[in-house]
C-alpha atoms as a PDB file:
ATOM      1  CA  UNK A   1     -34.118 -23.425  34.370  1.00  0.00           C
ATOM      2  CA  UNK A   2     -36.797 -21.518  36.505  1.00  0.00           C
ATOM      3  CA  UNK A   3     -36.057 -22.105  40.275  1.00  0.00           C
ATOM      4  CA  UNK A   4     -39.607 -23.715  42.156  1.00  0.00           C
ATOM      5  CA  UNK A   5     -40.682 -21.092  44.495  1.00  0.00           C
ATOM      6  CA  UNK A   6     -39.613 -21.047  47.816  1.00  0.00           C
ATOM      7  CA  UNK A   7     -42.387 -19.508  49.911  1.00  0.00           C
ATOM      8  CA  UNK A   8     -46.070 -18.485  49.283  1.00  0.00           C
ATOM      9  CA  UNK A   9     -45.973 -15.003  47.254  1.00  0.00           C
ATOM     10  CA  UNK A  10     -49.131 -14.502  49.257  1.00  0.00           C
ATOM     11  CA  UNK A  11     -48.242 -14.399  53.327  1.00  0.00           C
ATOM     12  CA  UNK A  12     -44.754 -15.892  53.051  1.00  0.00           C
ATOM     13  CA  UNK A  13     -45.652 -19.611  54.671  1.00  0.00           C
ATOM     14  CA  UNK A  14     -43.548 -22.828  53.347  1.00  0.00           C
ATOM     15  CA  UNK A  15     -45.005 -24.674  50.021  1.00  0.00           C
ATOM     16  CA  UNK A  16     -46.056 -28.272  49.885  1.00  0.00           C
ATOM     17  CA  UNK A  17     -45.500 -29.703  46.640  1.00  0.00           C
ATOM     18  CA  UNK A  18     -49.559 -30.835  45.991  1.00  0.00           C
ATOM     19  CA  UNK A  19     -49.160 -32.623  42.368  1.00  0.00           C
ATOM     20  CA  UNK A  20     -46.851 -34.478  39.947  1.00  0.00           C
ATOM     21  CA  UNK A  21     -48.038 -35.214  36.310  1.00  0.00           C
ATOM     22  CA  UNK A  22     -47.222 -37.461  33.570  1.00  0.00           C
ATOM     23  CA  UNK A  23     -45.753 -35.731  30.713  1.00  0.00           C
ATOM     24  CA  UNK A  24     -46.131 -38.502  28.514  1.00  0.00           C
ATOM     25  CA  UNK A  25     -49.130 -40.487  29.582  1.00  0.00           C
ATOM     26  CA  UNK A  26     -50.890 -37.583  31.650  1.00  0.00           C
ATOM     27  CA  UNK A  27     -51.882 -39.285  34.468  1.00  0.00           C
ATOM     28  CA  UNK A  28     -52.062 -36.471  37.498  1.00  0.00           C
ATOM     29  CA  UNK A  29     -50.969 -37.707  41.466  1.00  0.00           C
ATOM     30  CA  UNK A  30     -52.595 -35.367  44.026  1.00  0.00           C
ATOM     31  CA  UNK A  31     -51.126 -35.450  47.641  1.00  0.00           C
ATOM     32  CA  UNK A  32     -48.492 -34.074  49.463  1.00  0.00           C
ATOM     33  CA  UNK A  33     -45.312 -34.500  47.993  1.00  0.00           C
ATOM     34  CA  UNK A  34     -41.628 -34.146  49.323  1.00  0.00           C
ATOM     35  CA  UNK A  35     -38.787 -31.982  47.559  1.00  0.00           C
ATOM     36  CA  UNK A  36     -35.637 -32.653  47.420  1.00  0.00           C
ATOM     37  CA  UNK A  37     -33.515 -31.014  49.994  1.00  0.00           C
ATOM     38  CA  UNK A  38     -31.403 -28.655  47.083  1.00  0.00           C
ATOM     39  CA  UNK A  39     -34.501 -27.534  46.042  1.00  0.00           C
ATOM     40  CA  UNK A  40     -35.592 -25.543  49.830  1.00  0.00           C
ATOM     41  CA  UNK A  41     -31.724 -24.464  49.273  1.00  0.00           C
ATOM     42  CA  UNK A  42     -31.962 -20.171  48.050  1.00  0.00           C
ATOM     43  CA  UNK A  43     -30.804 -18.913  45.081  1.00  0.00           C
ATOM     44  CA  UNK A  44     -27.395 -17.534  46.762  1.00  0.00           C
ATOM     45  CA  UNK A  45     -26.758 -20.786  48.454  1.00  0.00           C
ATOM     46  CA  UNK A  46     -27.145 -22.858  45.550  1.00  0.00           C
ATOM     47  CA  UNK A  47     -24.915 -20.924  43.385  1.00  0.00           C
ATOM     48  CA  UNK A  48     -22.627 -20.556  46.208  1.00  0.00           C
ATOM     49  CA  UNK A  49     -23.243 -24.552  46.452  1.00  0.00           C
ATOM     50  CA  UNK A  50     -22.470 -24.776  42.744  1.00  0.00           C
ATOM     51  CA  UNK A  51     -19.272 -22.947  42.996  1.00  0.00           C
ATOM     52  CA  UNK A  52     -18.718 -24.947  45.747  1.00  0.00           C
ATOM     53  CA  UNK A  53     -18.772 -28.243  43.515  1.00  0.00           C
ATOM     54  CA  UNK A  54     -17.568 -26.250  40.750  1.00  0.00           C
ATOM     55  CA  UNK A  55     -13.380 -25.495  42.756  1.00  0.00           C
ATOM     56  CA  UNK A  56     -13.633 -29.148  44.348  1.00  0.00           C
ATOM     57  CA  UNK A  57     -14.693 -27.552  47.795  1.00  0.00           C
ATOM     58  CA  UNK A  58     -11.446 -25.676  47.869  1.00  0.00           C
ATOM     59  CA  UNK A  59     -12.227 -22.625  50.355  1.00  0.00           C
ATOM     60  CA  UNK A  60      -8.980 -21.071  48.966  1.00  0.00           C
ATOM     61  CA  UNK A  61     -10.265 -21.136  45.624  1.00  0.00           C
ATOM     62  CA  UNK A  62     -13.635 -20.021  47.056  1.00  0.00           C
ATOM     63  CA  UNK A  63     -12.108 -16.756  49.005  1.00  0.00           C
ATOM     64  CA  UNK A  64     -10.445 -16.040  45.427  1.00  0.00           C
ATOM     65  CA  UNK A  65     -13.792 -16.099  43.021  1.00  0.00           C
ATOM     66  CA  UNK A  66     -16.045 -14.525  45.554  1.00  0.00           C
ATOM     67  CA  UNK A  67     -13.303 -12.278  46.664  1.00  0.00           C
ATOM     68  CA  UNK A  68     -14.815 -12.555  49.920  1.00  0.00           C
ATOM     69  CA  UNK A  69     -12.726 -13.212  53.014  1.00  0.00           C
ATOM     70  CA  UNK A  70     -11.870 -17.227  54.242  1.00  0.00           C
ATOM     71  CA  UNK A  71     -14.227 -16.721  57.594  1.00  0.00           C
ATOM     72  CA  UNK A  72     -17.194 -15.679  55.071  1.00  0.00           C
ATOM     73  CA  UNK A  73     -16.588 -18.191  52.715  1.00  0.00           C
ATOM     74  CA  UNK A  74     -16.725 -20.460  56.065  1.00  0.00           C
ATOM     75  CA  UNK A  75     -19.639 -18.964  57.483  1.00  0.00           C
ATOM     76  CA  UNK A  76     -21.121 -19.191  53.970  1.00  0.00           C
ATOM     77  CA  UNK A  77     -21.142 -22.790  53.802  1.00  0.00           C
ATOM     78  CA  UNK A  78     -22.281 -23.147  57.389  1.00  0.00           C
ATOM     79  CA  UNK A  79     -25.143 -21.497  56.208  1.00  0.00           C
ATOM     80  CA  UNK A  80     -25.713 -24.101  53.358  1.00  0.00           C
ATOM     81  CA  UNK A  81     -25.532 -27.289  55.649  1.00  0.00           C
ATOM     82  CA  UNK A  82     -28.170 -25.895  58.072  1.00  0.00           C
ATOM     83  CA  UNK A  83     -30.398 -25.428  54.654  1.00  0.00           C
ATOM     84  CA  UNK A  84     -29.692 -28.542  53.946  1.00  0.00           C
ATOM     85  CA  UNK A  85     -30.019 -30.922  57.486  1.00  0.00           C
ATOM     86  CA  UNK A  86     -33.248 -28.794  58.234  1.00  0.00           C
ATOM     87  CA  UNK A  87     -36.707 -31.189  58.082  1.00  0.00           C
ATOM     88  CA  UNK A  88     -39.046 -29.922  55.599  1.00  0.00           C
ATOM     89  CA  UNK A  89     -41.804 -28.313  56.837  1.00  0.00           C
ATOM     90  CA  UNK A  90     -44.544 -30.415  55.813  1.00  0.00           C
ATOM     91  CA  UNK A  91     -47.998 -30.305  57.709  1.00  0.00           C
ATOM     92  CA  UNK A  92     -48.963 -33.570  58.972  1.00  0.00           C
ATOM     93  CA  UNK A  93     -50.714 -35.847  56.349  1.00  0.00           C
ATOM     94  CA  UNK A  94     -54.066 -37.000  56.553  1.00  0.00           C
ATOM     95  CA  UNK A  95     -55.342 -40.765  55.912  1.00  0.00           C
ATOM     96  CA  UNK A  96     -56.139 -39.792  52.412  1.00  0.00           C
ATOM     97  CA  UNK A  97     -52.914 -38.733  51.882  1.00  0.00           C
ATOM     98  CA  UNK A  98     -50.964 -41.244  53.095  1.00  0.00           C
ATOM     99  CA  UNK A  99     -53.033 -43.762  50.494  1.00  0.00           C
ATOM    100  CA  UNK A 100     -51.807 -41.284  47.508  1.00  0.00           C
ATOM    101  CA  UNK A 101     -48.242 -40.433  48.591  1.00  0.00           C
ATOM    102  CA  UNK A 102     -47.938 -44.819  48.746  1.00  0.00           C
ATOM    103  CA  UNK A 103     -49.614 -44.841  45.730  1.00  0.00           C
ATOM    104  CA  UNK A 104     -47.017 -42.479  44.112  1.00  0.00           C
ATOM    105  CA  UNK A 105     -44.377 -44.276  45.701  1.00  0.00           C
ATOM    106  CA  UNK A 106     -45.282 -47.102  44.328  1.00  0.00           C
ATOM    107  CA  UNK A 107     -45.486 -49.433  47.631  1.00  0.00           C
ATOM    108  CA  UNK A 108     -49.296 -50.646  47.009  1.00  0.00           C
ATOM    109  CA  UNK A 109     -51.238 -50.478  43.343  1.00  0.00           C
ATOM    110  CA  UNK A 110     -54.009 -47.911  42.348  1.00  0.00           C
ATOM    111  CA  UNK A 111     -56.810 -50.941  42.865  1.00  0.00           C
ATOM    112  CA  UNK A 112     -55.516 -51.271  46.539  1.00  0.00           C
ATOM    113  CA  UNK A 113     -55.518 -47.875  47.230  1.00  0.00           C
ATOM    114  CA  UNK A 114     -58.986 -47.292  45.492  1.00  0.00           C
ATOM    115  CA  UNK A 115     -60.041 -49.950  47.905  1.00  0.00           C
ATOM    116  CA  UNK A 116     -58.242 -48.068  51.127  1.00  0.00           C
ATOM    117  CA  UNK A 117     -59.907 -44.771  49.412  1.00  0.00           C
ATOM    118  CA  UNK A 118     -63.765 -46.519  49.778  1.00  0.00           C
ATOM    119  CA  UNK A 119     -63.071 -47.667  53.452  1.00  0.00           C
ATOM    120  CA  UNK A 120     -62.143 -44.550  54.720  1.00  0.00           C
ATOM    121  CA  UNK A 121     -65.494 -42.914  52.755  1.00  0.00           C
ATOM    122  CA  UNK A 122     -67.698 -46.021  54.242  1.00  0.00           C
ATOM    123  CA  UNK A 123     -65.749 -44.940  57.730  1.00  0.00           C
ATOM    124  CA  UNK A 124     -66.924 -41.604  57.374  1.00  0.00           C
ATOM    125  CA  UNK A 125     -70.730 -42.697  57.131  1.00  0.00           C
END
């Protein structure tokens, strides 16, 4: 399976998921959406984590499988832990984005969202 891009191919900046689509009915929702924390791991970190789980967290087995020293295994594990603890780099969403996120999360209906978006348009006029 192809992993998502980890950074902007042009400038190297963080990427934000901005659209989701249903394969069954074709509806599309746009906005700013959070990625899963594991999606933010580099390919190397994800491979390390996969091996770690397959070896049931046994660092000695990881040492043998990877052919690296025990301290290096520990350092790589700490690197994965730090990557998973980092907050997602999302820009501050505007009111429109918050409304769309609430629809995507099922917190409000599309009708309620349309009403709220209409109110935002009226406030700007």
